[in-house]
Amino acid sequence: MNNMAEKNKKKKLVLIIDDDKFLLDMYATKFEQSGFEVEAALGAAEGIEKLKGGLAPDIIITDVLMPALDGFAFIEKVKEEKLAPASKIIILSNKGEKADVDKGMSLGAAGYIVKASAIPSEVVKRVDEIVSS
């Protein structure tokens, strides 16, 4: 793709959900630096509120281990209430056992990235690959 077409391409809006403020800020910064528009939510409940408020992200990246509402329950709620029908949901978690990955994918996640096995720039690259496929 030539540079002109690249510039005219609409920035993808990504909603990042994590209960760890440090990680949330780090990923938000990394995605912004990579040309994404970023909305961050500190926890799944805040993510649900943003979606109910009309936010329509292209991509939702959610952690699994969060208090109150975990990432799996978040995905179930989003699907059940059709809060983001056009969004691709990607799980970004330290829970990397096969059972967790299988559960996430069976709930309708477009991808599953294990935090411990990818530095932030690799996470951005993997998200881009998942969304582009």
C-alpha atoms as a PDB file:
ATOM      1  CA  MET A   1       0.000   0.000   0.000  1.00  0.00           C
ATOM      2  CA  ASN A   2       1.421   3.396  -0.886  1.00  0.00           C
ATOM      3  CA  ASN A   3       1.958   6.115   1.709  1.00  0.00           C
ATOM      4  CA  MET A   4      -0.932   8.266   0.511  1.00  0.00           C
ATOM      5  CA  ALA A   5      -3.456   5.446   0.931  1.00  0.00           C
ATOM      6  CA  GLU A   6      -1.908   4.639   4.304  1.00  0.00           C
ATOM      7  CA  LYS A   7      -2.508   8.208   5.522  1.00  0.00           C
ATOM      8  CA  ASN A   8      -6.154   8.157   4.393  1.00  0.00           C
ATOM      9  CA  LYS A   9      -6.854   4.917   6.215  1.00  0.00           C
ATOM     10  CA  LYS A  10      -9.094   5.491   9.236  1.00  0.00           C
ATOM     11  CA  LYS A  11      -7.355   4.833  12.533  1.00  0.00           C
ATOM     12  CA  LYS A  12      -8.659   1.706  14.171  1.00  0.00           C
ATOM     13  CA  LEU A  13     -10.264   2.313  17.566  1.00  0.00           C
ATOM     14  CA  VAL A  14      -9.111  -0.122  20.218  1.00  0.00           C
ATOM     15  CA  LEU A  15     -10.673  -0.498  23.664  1.00  0.00           C
ATOM     16  CA  ILE A  16      -8.138  -1.909  26.123  1.00  0.00           C
ATOM     17  CA  ILE A  17      -9.467  -3.385  29.365  1.00  0.00           C
ATOM     18  CA  ASP A  18      -7.218  -4.313  32.278  1.00  0.00           C
ATOM     19  CA  ASP A  19      -7.423  -3.872  36.029  1.00  0.00           C
ATOM     20  CA  ASP A  20      -3.697  -3.088  36.255  1.00  0.00           C
ATOM     21  CA  LYS A  21      -3.303   0.687  35.718  1.00  0.00           C
ATOM     22  CA  PHE A  22       0.409   0.380  34.859  1.00  0.00           C
ATOM     23  CA  LEU A  23      -0.199  -2.250  32.147  1.00  0.00           C
ATOM     24  CA  LEU A  24      -3.258  -0.394  30.871  1.00  0.00           C
ATOM     25  CA  ASP A  25      -1.237   2.810  30.417  1.00  0.00           C
ATOM     26  CA  MET A  26       1.693   0.951  28.880  1.00  0.00           C
ATOM     27  CA  TYR A  27      -0.441  -0.837  26.271  1.00  0.00           C
ATOM     28  CA  ALA A  28      -2.479   2.319  25.568  1.00  0.00           C
ATOM     29  CA  THR A  29       0.738   4.244  24.870  1.00  0.00           C
ATOM     30  CA  LYS A  30       2.144   1.465  22.683  1.00  0.00           C
ATOM     31  CA  PHE A  31      -1.042   1.231  20.590  1.00  0.00           C
ATOM     32  CA  GLU A  32      -1.223   5.037  20.213  1.00  0.00           C
ATOM     33  CA  GLN A  33       2.404   5.106  19.056  1.00  0.00           C
ATOM     34  CA  SER A  34       1.479   2.435  16.506  1.00  0.00           C
ATOM     35  CA  GLY A  35      -1.271   4.550  14.975  1.00  0.00           C
ATOM     36  CA  PHE A  36      -4.348   3.275  16.802  1.00  0.00           C
ATOM     37  CA  GLU A  37      -6.975   5.421  18.468  1.00  0.00           C
ATOM     38  CA  VAL A  38      -7.165   4.162  22.063  1.00  0.00           C
ATOM     39  CA  GLU A  39      -9.854   4.075  24.718  1.00  0.00           C
ATOM     40  CA  ALA A  40      -8.863   2.499  28.037  1.00  0.00           C
ATOM     41  CA  ALA A  41     -11.040   0.967  30.750  1.00  0.00           C
ATOM     42  CA  LEU A  42      -9.805   0.084  34.218  1.00  0.00           C
ATOM     43  CA  GLY A  43     -11.675  -3.193  34.594  1.00  0.00           C
ATOM     44  CA  ALA A  44     -14.465  -4.981  32.745  1.00  0.00           C
ATOM     45  CA  ALA A  45     -17.325  -3.065  34.401  1.00  0.00           C
ATOM     46  CA  GLU A  46     -15.899   0.216  33.071  1.00  0.00           C
ATOM     47  CA  GLY A  47     -15.494  -1.423  29.658  1.00  0.00           C
ATOM     48  CA  ILE A  48     -19.174  -2.451  29.662  1.00  0.00           C
ATOM     49  CA  GLU A  49     -20.191   1.104  30.635  1.00  0.00           C
ATOM     50  CA  LYS A  50     -18.194   2.584  27.762  1.00  0.00           C
ATOM     51  CA  LEU A  51     -19.812   0.162  25.291  1.00  0.00           C
ATOM     52  CA  LYS A  52     -23.289   0.866  26.686  1.00  0.00           C
ATOM     53  CA  GLY A  53     -22.466   4.567  26.324  1.00  0.00           C
ATOM     54  CA  GLY A  54     -22.101   4.122  22.585  1.00  0.00           C
ATOM     55  CA  LEU A  55     -18.403   3.384  22.157  1.00  0.00           C
ATOM     56  CA  ALA A  56     -17.990   1.212  19.051  1.00  0.00           C
ATOM     57  CA  PRO A  57     -14.387   0.018  18.926  1.00  0.00           C
ATOM     58  CA  ASP A  58     -12.957  -1.946  16.015  1.00  0.00           C
ATOM     59  CA  ILE A  59     -10.999  -4.040  18.516  1.00  0.00           C
ATOM     60  CA  ILE A  60     -11.515  -4.893  22.178  1.00  0.00           C
ATOM     61  CA  ILE A  61      -8.507  -6.206  24.079  1.00  0.00           C
ATOM     62  CA  THR A  62      -9.361  -7.657  27.469  1.00  0.00           C
ATOM     63  CA  ASP A  63      -7.487  -9.235  30.327  1.00  0.00           C
ATOM     64  CA  VAL A  64      -8.989 -12.354  31.926  1.00  0.00           C
ATOM     65  CA  LEU A  65      -8.035 -12.056  35.588  1.00  0.00           C
ATOM     66  CA  MET A  66      -9.938  -9.047  36.920  1.00  0.00           C
ATOM     67  CA  PRO A  67     -11.964  -8.559  40.094  1.00  0.00           C
ATOM     68  CA  ALA A  68     -15.779  -8.419  39.975  1.00  0.00           C
ATOM     69  CA  LEU A  69     -16.151  -9.329  36.288  1.00  0.00           C
ATOM     70  CA  ASP A  70     -13.419 -11.406  34.636  1.00  0.00           C
ATOM     71  CA  GLY A  71     -12.585 -11.296  30.943  1.00  0.00           C
ATOM     72  CA  PHE A  72     -14.563 -14.427  30.085  1.00  0.00           C
ATOM     73  CA  ALA A  73     -17.704 -13.062  31.806  1.00  0.00           C
ATOM     74  CA  PHE A  74     -17.078  -9.729  30.051  1.00  0.00           C
ATOM     75  CA  ILE A  75     -17.063 -11.419  26.624  1.00  0.00           C
ATOM     76  CA  GLU A  76     -20.223 -13.376  27.487  1.00  0.00           C
ATOM     77  CA  LYS A  77     -21.980 -10.153  28.534  1.00  0.00           C
ATOM     78  CA  VAL A  78     -20.850  -8.257  25.420  1.00  0.00           C
ATOM     79  CA  LYS A  79     -22.085 -11.082  23.155  1.00  0.00           C
ATOM     80  CA  GLU A  80     -25.323 -11.592  25.124  1.00  0.00           C
ATOM     81  CA  GLU A  81     -26.235  -7.891  25.077  1.00  0.00           C
ATOM     82  CA  LYS A  82     -24.856  -7.349  21.546  1.00  0.00           C
ATOM     83  CA  LEU A  83     -22.840  -4.395  22.844  1.00  0.00           C
ATOM     84  CA  ALA A  84     -20.124  -4.485  20.193  1.00  0.00           C
ATOM     85  CA  PRO A  85     -21.309  -6.662  17.300  1.00  0.00           C
ATOM     86  CA  ALA A  86     -18.678  -5.372  14.867  1.00  0.00           C
ATOM     87  CA  SER A  87     -15.744  -5.513  17.306  1.00  0.00           C
ATOM     88  CA  LYS A  88     -13.066  -8.173  17.222  1.00  0.00           C
ATOM     89  CA  ILE A  89     -12.331  -9.281  20.779  1.00  0.00           C
ATOM     90  CA  ILE A  90      -8.789 -10.307  21.647  1.00  0.00           C
ATOM     91  CA  ILE A  91      -7.793 -11.723  25.007  1.00  0.00           C
ATOM     92  CA  LEU A  92      -4.494 -10.528  26.471  1.00  0.00           C
ATOM     93  CA  SER A  93      -3.808 -12.483  29.631  1.00  0.00           C
ATOM     94  CA  ASN A  94      -1.219 -14.258  31.718  1.00  0.00           C
ATOM     95  CA  LYS A  95      -3.619 -17.204  31.912  1.00  0.00           C
ATOM     96  CA  GLY A  96      -2.113 -19.190  29.085  1.00  0.00           C
ATOM     97  CA  GLU A  97      -3.190 -22.768  29.777  1.00  0.00           C
ATOM     98  CA  LYS A  98      -4.771 -24.534  26.814  1.00  0.00           C
ATOM     99  CA  ALA A  99      -8.117 -24.750  28.665  1.00  0.00           C
ATOM    100  CA  ASP A 100      -8.154 -20.945  29.061  1.00  0.00           C
ATOM    101  CA  VAL A 101      -7.259 -20.346  25.424  1.00  0.00           C
ATOM    102  CA  ASP A 102      -9.910 -22.846  24.304  1.00  0.00           C
ATOM    103  CA  LYS A 103     -12.523 -21.212  26.549  1.00  0.00           C
ATOM    104  CA  GLY A 104     -11.702 -17.743  25.216  1.00  0.00           C
ATOM    105  CA  MET A 105     -11.888 -18.873  21.613  1.00  0.00           C
ATOM    106  CA  SER A 106     -15.137 -20.785  22.205  1.00  0.00           C
ATOM    107  CA  LEU A 107     -16.670 -17.592  23.628  1.00  0.00           C
ATOM    108  CA  GLY A 108     -15.945 -15.882  20.326  1.00  0.00           C
ATOM    109  CA  ALA A 109     -12.568 -14.235  20.841  1.00  0.00           C
ATOM    110  CA  ALA A 110     -10.741 -13.552  17.586  1.00  0.00           C
ATOM    111  CA  GLY A 111      -7.390 -14.187  19.229  1.00  0.00           C
ATOM    112  CA  TYR A 112      -5.600 -14.993  22.485  1.00  0.00           C
ATOM    113  CA  ILE A 113      -2.246 -13.489  23.417  1.00  0.00           C
ATOM    114  CA  VAL A 114      -0.322 -14.537  26.526  1.00  0.00           C
ATOM    115  CA  LYS A 115       1.160 -11.416  28.162  1.00  0.00           C
ATOM    116  CA  ALA A 116       4.247 -13.164  29.487  1.00  0.00           C
ATOM    117  CA  SER A 117       5.236 -14.392  26.036  1.00  0.00           C
ATOM    118  CA  ALA A 118       5.002 -11.064  24.189  1.00  0.00           C
ATOM    119  CA  ILE A 119       6.490  -7.615  24.742  1.00  0.00           C
ATOM    120  CA  PRO A 120       4.082  -4.695  24.049  1.00  0.00           C
ATOM    121  CA  SER A 121       5.318  -4.072  20.497  1.00  0.00           C
ATOM    122  CA  GLU A 122       4.763  -7.785  19.717  1.00  0.00           C
ATOM    123  CA  VAL A 123       1.265  -7.526  21.212  1.00  0.00           C
ATOM    124  CA  VAL A 124       0.488  -4.639  18.832  1.00  0.00           C
ATOM    125  CA  LYS A 125       1.852  -6.667  15.906  1.00  0.00           C
ATOM    126  CA  ARG A 126      -0.163  -9.771  16.862  1.00  0.00           C
ATOM    127  CA  VAL A 127      -3.351  -7.712  17.296  1.00  0.00           C
ATOM    128  CA  ASP A 128      -2.778  -6.168  13.865  1.00  0.00           C
ATOM    129  CA  GLU A 129      -2.305  -9.646  12.361  1.00  0.00           C
ATOM    130  CA  ILE A 130      -5.468 -11.015  14.033  1.00  0.00           C
ATOM    131  CA  VAL A 131      -7.558  -8.055  12.894  1.00  0.00           C
ATOM    132  CA  SER A 132      -6.175  -8.149   9.350  1.00  0.00           C
ATOM    133  CA  SER A 133      -6.790 -11.864   8.849  1.00  0.00           C
END
